[in-house]
């Protein structure tokens, strides 16, 4: 270290032994009127594994425990959260900012479908525009008194998960998967992405793990034997829950009444979040 050192390593070209690099912080500040305590990302390596359903059940679980839950729907091109909660009205804004819509039980929700003229209109945007929209859901929306915000991310390891990991103060992520052998490789990619970016992984949730026959009460492995315990062991992760295939849950999602569906599957996850 030279006698003229200013301790500003980022602007210094000297290669000394005491050099300290400060990582660039890309995180965006939330709206000045927002109050958000914990941010939990929900990620899947591939589509069709029930990530949005798990996100919704997590929000419902924490809301029932007396916390104020919120969902930031970051799946811009495939938004399904409003449908699951039966929300069809449009988000409102004033000179202060944009306001989320409250569900039947008071869960705050913001999704691109709450801004579109028609719910069926496609979002035909390129990656940077989609990523910027996600950031605006964080910076421009007024999230009031939120205890747990769940971020429903699109599948894969593309622009949006990267934006969420870099721009939002993620406290941890939950990875949703299904039992198929192929999924183990996909989950590995999601785990490796999160660890590369130093995002804490709370654990794995397996959806469609089994079907419980209402007649014989036996569990049938529709998609084959589960691989989740093997994956969890390989990466030293926790298996948080195994959700069955339940036609009643599917019907509740289709009817927009997931808040009325009674389940205890994610209670262990609720304990960890608390």
Protein backbone atom coordinates (compact mmCIF):
# COMPACT_ATOMS: atom_id res chain seq x y z
CA UNK A 1 0.00 0.00 0.00
CA UNK A 2 1.47 3.38 -1.01
CA UNK A 3 1.63 6.38 1.33
CA UNK A 4 -0.77 8.25 -0.97
CA UNK A 5 -3.43 5.51 -0.81
CA UNK A 6 -7.00 6.87 -0.70
CA UNK A 7 -8.64 3.49 0.07
CA UNK A 8 -10.63 3.87 -3.16
CA UNK A 9 -9.66 0.58 -4.77
CA UNK A 10 -12.26 0.68 -7.55
CA UNK A 11 -10.66 3.77 -9.09
CA UNK A 12 -7.05 2.70 -8.45
CA UNK A 13 -4.85 0.92 -11.00
CA UNK A 14 -2.12 -0.23 -8.58
CA UNK A 15 -1.98 -3.99 -8.03
CA UNK A 16 -1.04 -4.01 -4.32
CA UNK A 17 -1.49 -6.78 -1.77
CA UNK A 18 -4.02 -4.73 0.21
CA UNK A 19 -6.32 -4.19 -2.76
CA UNK A 20 -10.02 -4.67 -1.92
CA UNK A 21 -12.62 -4.88 -4.65
CA UNK A 22 -16.10 -3.70 -3.75
CA UNK A 23 -18.72 -5.58 -5.80
CA UNK A 24 -21.03 -3.43 -7.86
CA UNK A 25 -24.48 -3.26 -6.29
CA UNK A 26 -27.21 -3.39 -8.95
CA UNK A 27 -30.09 -3.48 -6.48
CA UNK A 28 -32.95 -1.09 -7.10
CA UNK A 29 -34.59 0.84 -4.29
CA UNK A 30 -38.30 0.13 -3.77
CA UNK A 31 -40.85 2.92 -3.98
CA UNK A 32 -40.32 5.46 -1.18
CA UNK A 33 -43.77 4.64 0.23
CA UNK A 34 -43.20 0.87 0.18
CA UNK A 35 -42.50 -1.24 3.25
CA UNK A 36 -41.31 -4.78 2.49
CA UNK A 37 -39.70 -6.99 5.13
CA UNK A 38 -38.83 -10.26 3.37
CA UNK A 39 -38.55 -11.13 -0.33
CA UNK A 40 -38.74 -14.79 -1.35
CA UNK A 41 -38.17 -15.86 -4.96
CA UNK A 42 -39.94 -18.92 -6.38
CA UNK A 43 -38.03 -20.47 -9.26
CA UNK A 44 -38.23 -23.52 -11.50
CA UNK A 45 -35.79 -24.84 -14.05
CA UNK A 46 -38.55 -25.63 -16.54
CA UNK A 47 -42.18 -24.74 -17.15
CA UNK A 48 -45.23 -26.77 -16.26
CA UNK A 49 -44.16 -27.90 -12.78
CA UNK A 50 -46.67 -25.75 -10.87
CA UNK A 51 -44.41 -22.89 -9.80
CA UNK A 52 -47.19 -20.27 -9.83
CA UNK A 53 -49.47 -22.57 -7.87
CA UNK A 54 -46.79 -23.09 -5.22
CA UNK A 55 -46.18 -19.32 -5.11
CA UNK A 56 -49.89 -18.76 -4.54
CA UNK A 57 -50.12 -21.42 -1.83
CA UNK A 58 -47.11 -19.92 -0.04
CA UNK A 59 -48.74 -16.47 -0.02
CA UNK A 60 -52.02 -17.97 1.24
CA UNK A 61 -50.17 -19.96 3.93
CA UNK A 62 -48.44 -16.89 5.36
CA UNK A 63 -51.58 -14.75 5.08
CA UNK A 64 -53.49 -17.31 7.15
CA UNK A 65 -50.79 -17.06 9.82
CA UNK A 66 -51.56 -13.39 10.25
CA UNK A 67 -48.85 -11.91 8.05
CA UNK A 68 -49.38 -9.51 5.15
CA UNK A 69 -48.44 -11.38 1.99
CA UNK A 70 -47.79 -10.05 -1.49
CA UNK A 71 -47.03 -11.55 -4.89
CA UNK A 72 -44.92 -9.83 -7.53
CA UNK A 73 -45.74 -11.72 -10.72
CA UNK A 74 -42.45 -11.56 -12.64
CA UNK A 75 -43.63 -14.06 -15.26
CA UNK A 76 -44.41 -11.28 -17.74
CA UNK A 77 -45.11 -13.42 -20.81
CA UNK A 78 -47.04 -16.12 -18.95
CA UNK A 79 -48.87 -14.44 -16.06
CA UNK A 80 -51.26 -16.74 -14.22
CA UNK A 81 -51.40 -15.32 -10.67
CA UNK A 82 -54.48 -13.08 -11.23
CA UNK A 83 -56.40 -16.04 -12.68
CA UNK A 84 -55.57 -18.23 -9.68
CA UNK A 85 -56.91 -15.57 -7.31
CA UNK A 86 -59.93 -14.67 -9.45
CA UNK A 87 -58.76 -11.09 -10.03
CA UNK A 88 -60.02 -9.35 -13.17
CA UNK A 89 -59.97 -5.66 -12.24
CA UNK A 90 -57.19 -3.34 -13.36
CA UNK A 91 -54.49 -1.83 -11.19
CA UNK A 92 -54.87 1.86 -10.42
CA UNK A 93 -52.30 4.62 -10.28
CA UNK A 94 -52.01 8.25 -9.22
CA UNK A 95 -49.24 10.83 -9.07
CA UNK A 96 -47.57 8.88 -6.25
CA UNK A 97 -47.32 5.53 -8.00
CA UNK A 98 -49.02 2.28 -8.94
CA UNK A 99 -51.10 0.28 -6.47
CA UNK A 100 -51.39 -3.52 -6.34
CA UNK A 101 -54.78 -5.23 -6.31
CA UNK A 102 -55.86 -6.94 -3.10
CA UNK A 103 -57.20 -10.47 -3.25
CA UNK A 104 -60.26 -11.68 -1.35
CA UNK A 105 -58.23 -12.22 1.81
CA UNK A 106 -56.01 -9.14 1.43
CA UNK A 107 -52.97 -10.46 -0.45
CA UNK A 108 -51.37 -7.68 -2.54
CA UNK A 109 -50.84 -8.71 -6.17
CA UNK A 110 -49.20 -7.00 -9.13
CA UNK A 111 -49.09 -8.66 -12.54
CA UNK A 112 -48.84 -7.51 -16.14
CA UNK A 113 -52.37 -8.85 -16.66
CA UNK A 114 -53.63 -6.16 -14.28
CA UNK A 115 -52.35 -3.54 -16.73
CA UNK A 116 -53.43 -5.06 -20.07
CA UNK A 117 -56.65 -4.03 -21.85
CA UNK A 118 -57.53 -7.70 -22.32
CA UNK A 119 -56.31 -10.63 -20.24
CA UNK A 120 -55.73 -12.67 -23.40
CA UNK A 121 -53.54 -10.05 -25.10
CA UNK A 122 -50.03 -11.49 -25.64
CA UNK A 123 -46.96 -9.70 -24.34
CA UNK A 124 -44.68 -9.58 -27.37
CA UNK A 125 -41.62 -7.89 -25.90
CA UNK A 126 -37.91 -8.52 -26.07
CA UNK A 127 -35.94 -9.55 -22.99
CA UNK A 128 -34.62 -6.13 -21.88
CA UNK A 129 -38.12 -4.61 -21.92
CA UNK A 130 -39.51 -7.54 -19.92
CA UNK A 131 -36.70 -7.26 -17.39
CA UNK A 132 -37.30 -3.51 -17.04
CA UNK A 133 -41.01 -4.16 -16.41
CA UNK A 134 -40.10 -6.45 -13.53
CA UNK A 135 -37.91 -3.72 -12.02
CA UNK A 136 -40.77 -1.25 -12.35
CA UNK A 137 -43.03 -3.61 -10.38
CA UNK A 138 -40.48 -3.15 -7.58
CA UNK A 139 -39.68 0.56 -7.94
CA UNK A 140 -42.99 2.06 -9.08
CA UNK A 141 -45.54 -0.02 -7.16
CA UNK A 142 -46.47 1.06 -3.64
CA UNK A 143 -46.24 -2.09 -1.52
CA UNK A 144 -47.65 -1.13 1.87
CA UNK A 145 -46.72 -3.02 5.04
CA UNK A 146 -45.70 -6.30 3.37
CA UNK A 147 -44.28 -8.99 5.64
CA UNK A 148 -43.58 -11.56 2.94
CA UNK A 149 -43.32 -10.82 -0.76
CA UNK A 150 -43.20 -13.83 -3.08
CA UNK A 151 -41.72 -13.27 -6.54
CA UNK A 152 -43.12 -15.67 -9.14
CA UNK A 153 -40.38 -15.95 -11.75
CA UNK A 154 -40.60 -17.42 -15.24
CA UNK A 155 -38.98 -20.82 -15.73
CA UNK A 156 -35.34 -21.13 -16.67
CA UNK A 157 -32.23 -19.07 -16.02
CA UNK A 158 -32.77 -16.19 -18.44
CA UNK A 159 -33.19 -12.42 -18.29
CA UNK A 160 -35.90 -12.18 -15.62
CA UNK A 161 -34.36 -14.44 -12.95
CA UNK A 162 -31.06 -12.64 -13.54
CA UNK A 163 -32.79 -9.26 -13.15
CA UNK A 164 -34.60 -10.36 -9.99
CA UNK A 165 -31.42 -11.74 -8.42
CA UNK A 166 -29.46 -8.57 -9.20
CA UNK A 167 -32.12 -5.90 -8.66
CA UNK A 168 -34.19 -7.12 -5.71
CA UNK A 169 -32.97 -7.85 -2.16
CA UNK A 170 -33.82 -11.55 -2.29
CA UNK A 171 -33.70 -13.16 1.15
CA UNK A 172 -33.92 -16.65 -0.29
CA UNK A 173 -35.40 -18.75 -3.07
CA UNK A 174 -37.52 -21.87 -3.23
CA UNK A 175 -37.04 -24.14 -6.24
CA UNK A 176 -40.10 -26.01 -7.51
CA UNK A 177 -39.66 -29.27 -9.38
CA UNK A 178 -41.49 -32.45 -10.41
CA UNK A 179 -40.55 -36.14 -10.14
CA UNK A 180 -39.32 -36.83 -13.70
CA UNK A 181 -35.73 -37.96 -14.19
CA UNK A 182 -35.13 -35.20 -16.74
CA UNK A 183 -35.95 -32.55 -14.16
CA UNK A 184 -32.91 -33.38 -12.02
CA UNK A 185 -30.60 -31.88 -14.63
CA UNK A 186 -32.82 -28.80 -14.98
CA UNK A 187 -32.95 -28.28 -11.23
CA UNK A 188 -29.16 -28.51 -11.11
CA UNK A 189 -28.96 -25.54 -13.48
CA UNK A 190 -31.27 -23.46 -11.28
CA UNK A 191 -29.33 -24.37 -8.15
CA UNK A 192 -26.00 -23.56 -9.78
CA UNK A 193 -27.30 -20.20 -11.03
CA UNK A 194 -28.49 -19.21 -7.56
CA UNK A 195 -25.22 -20.25 -5.95
CA UNK A 196 -23.17 -18.46 -8.59
CA UNK A 197 -25.02 -15.26 -7.69
CA UNK A 198 -24.83 -15.93 -3.93
CA UNK A 199 -28.59 -16.24 -3.48
CA UNK A 200 -29.59 -18.38 -0.46
CA UNK A 201 -31.62 -21.47 -1.37
CA UNK A 202 -34.21 -22.28 1.26
CA UNK A 203 -34.95 -25.68 -0.26
CA UNK A 204 -36.88 -27.70 -2.84
CA UNK A 205 -40.60 -28.28 -3.27
CA UNK A 206 -41.71 -31.22 -5.40
CA UNK A 207 -45.09 -30.83 -7.08
CA UNK A 208 -47.13 -33.67 -8.61
CA UNK A 209 -45.20 -36.04 -6.39
CA UNK A 210 -47.98 -38.64 -6.20
CA UNK A 211 -51.70 -39.21 -6.59
CA UNK A 212 -53.66 -40.49 -3.62
CA UNK A 213 -56.49 -42.72 -4.78
CA UNK A 214 -59.76 -41.74 -3.06
CA UNK A 215 -61.00 -45.37 -3.23
CA UNK A 216 -58.04 -47.40 -1.99
CA UNK A 217 -56.18 -44.54 -0.24
CA UNK A 218 -52.90 -45.69 -1.81
CA UNK A 219 -50.31 -43.32 -3.26
CA UNK A 220 -49.53 -43.82 -6.94
CA UNK A 221 -46.38 -42.39 -8.56
CA UNK A 222 -47.87 -41.09 -11.81
CA UNK A 223 -44.60 -39.58 -13.04
CA UNK A 224 -42.34 -42.30 -11.71
CA UNK A 225 -40.15 -42.45 -8.64
CA UNK A 226 -39.14 -39.14 -7.15
CA UNK A 227 -35.62 -37.82 -7.73
CA UNK A 228 -35.88 -34.94 -5.30
CA UNK A 229 -34.17 -36.61 -2.33
CA UNK A 230 -31.22 -37.52 -4.52
CA UNK A 231 -30.95 -33.96 -5.83
CA UNK A 232 -31.29 -32.50 -2.34
CA UNK A 233 -28.54 -34.76 -1.04
CA UNK A 234 -26.25 -33.92 -3.94
CA UNK A 235 -26.52 -30.18 -3.30
CA UNK A 236 -26.96 -30.39 0.50
CA UNK A 237 -30.44 -28.86 0.33
CA UNK A 238 -33.67 -29.42 2.25
CA UNK A 239 -36.77 -31.02 0.78
CA UNK A 240 -39.40 -28.62 2.06
CA UNK A 241 -42.55 -30.35 0.82
CA UNK A 242 -43.95 -32.94 -1.58
CA UNK A 243 -47.31 -31.93 -3.06
CA UNK A 244 -49.70 -34.49 -4.53
CA UNK A 245 -51.72 -34.28 -7.72
CA UNK A 246 -55.06 -33.00 -6.43
CA UNK A 247 -57.97 -32.40 -8.85
CA UNK A 248 -59.70 -30.21 -6.24
CA UNK A 249 -56.69 -27.89 -6.08
CA UNK A 250 -56.61 -27.68 -9.87
CA UNK A 251 -60.31 -26.81 -9.89
CA UNK A 252 -59.77 -24.13 -7.23
CA UNK A 253 -57.05 -22.53 -9.36
CA UNK A 254 -59.27 -22.61 -12.46
CA UNK A 255 -62.14 -21.00 -10.53
CA UNK A 256 -59.91 -18.36 -8.94
CA UNK A 257 -60.61 -19.47 -5.38
CA UNK A 258 -57.24 -20.84 -4.26
CA UNK A 259 -57.65 -18.88 -1.01
CA UNK A 260 -60.59 -21.09 -0.11
CA UNK A 261 -58.67 -24.33 -0.68
CA UNK A 262 -57.69 -26.02 2.57
CA UNK A 263 -54.26 -27.66 2.56
CA UNK A 264 -51.45 -28.21 5.05
CA UNK A 265 -48.72 -29.23 2.59
CA UNK A 266 -46.68 -26.03 2.88
CA UNK A 267 -46.99 -25.54 6.63
CA UNK A 268 -43.38 -26.77 7.14
CA UNK A 269 -42.25 -24.07 4.69
CA UNK A 270 -44.24 -21.52 6.68
CA UNK A 271 -42.35 -22.57 9.81
CA UNK A 272 -39.02 -21.99 8.05
CA UNK A 273 -40.11 -18.59 6.75
CA UNK A 274 -41.15 -17.54 10.24
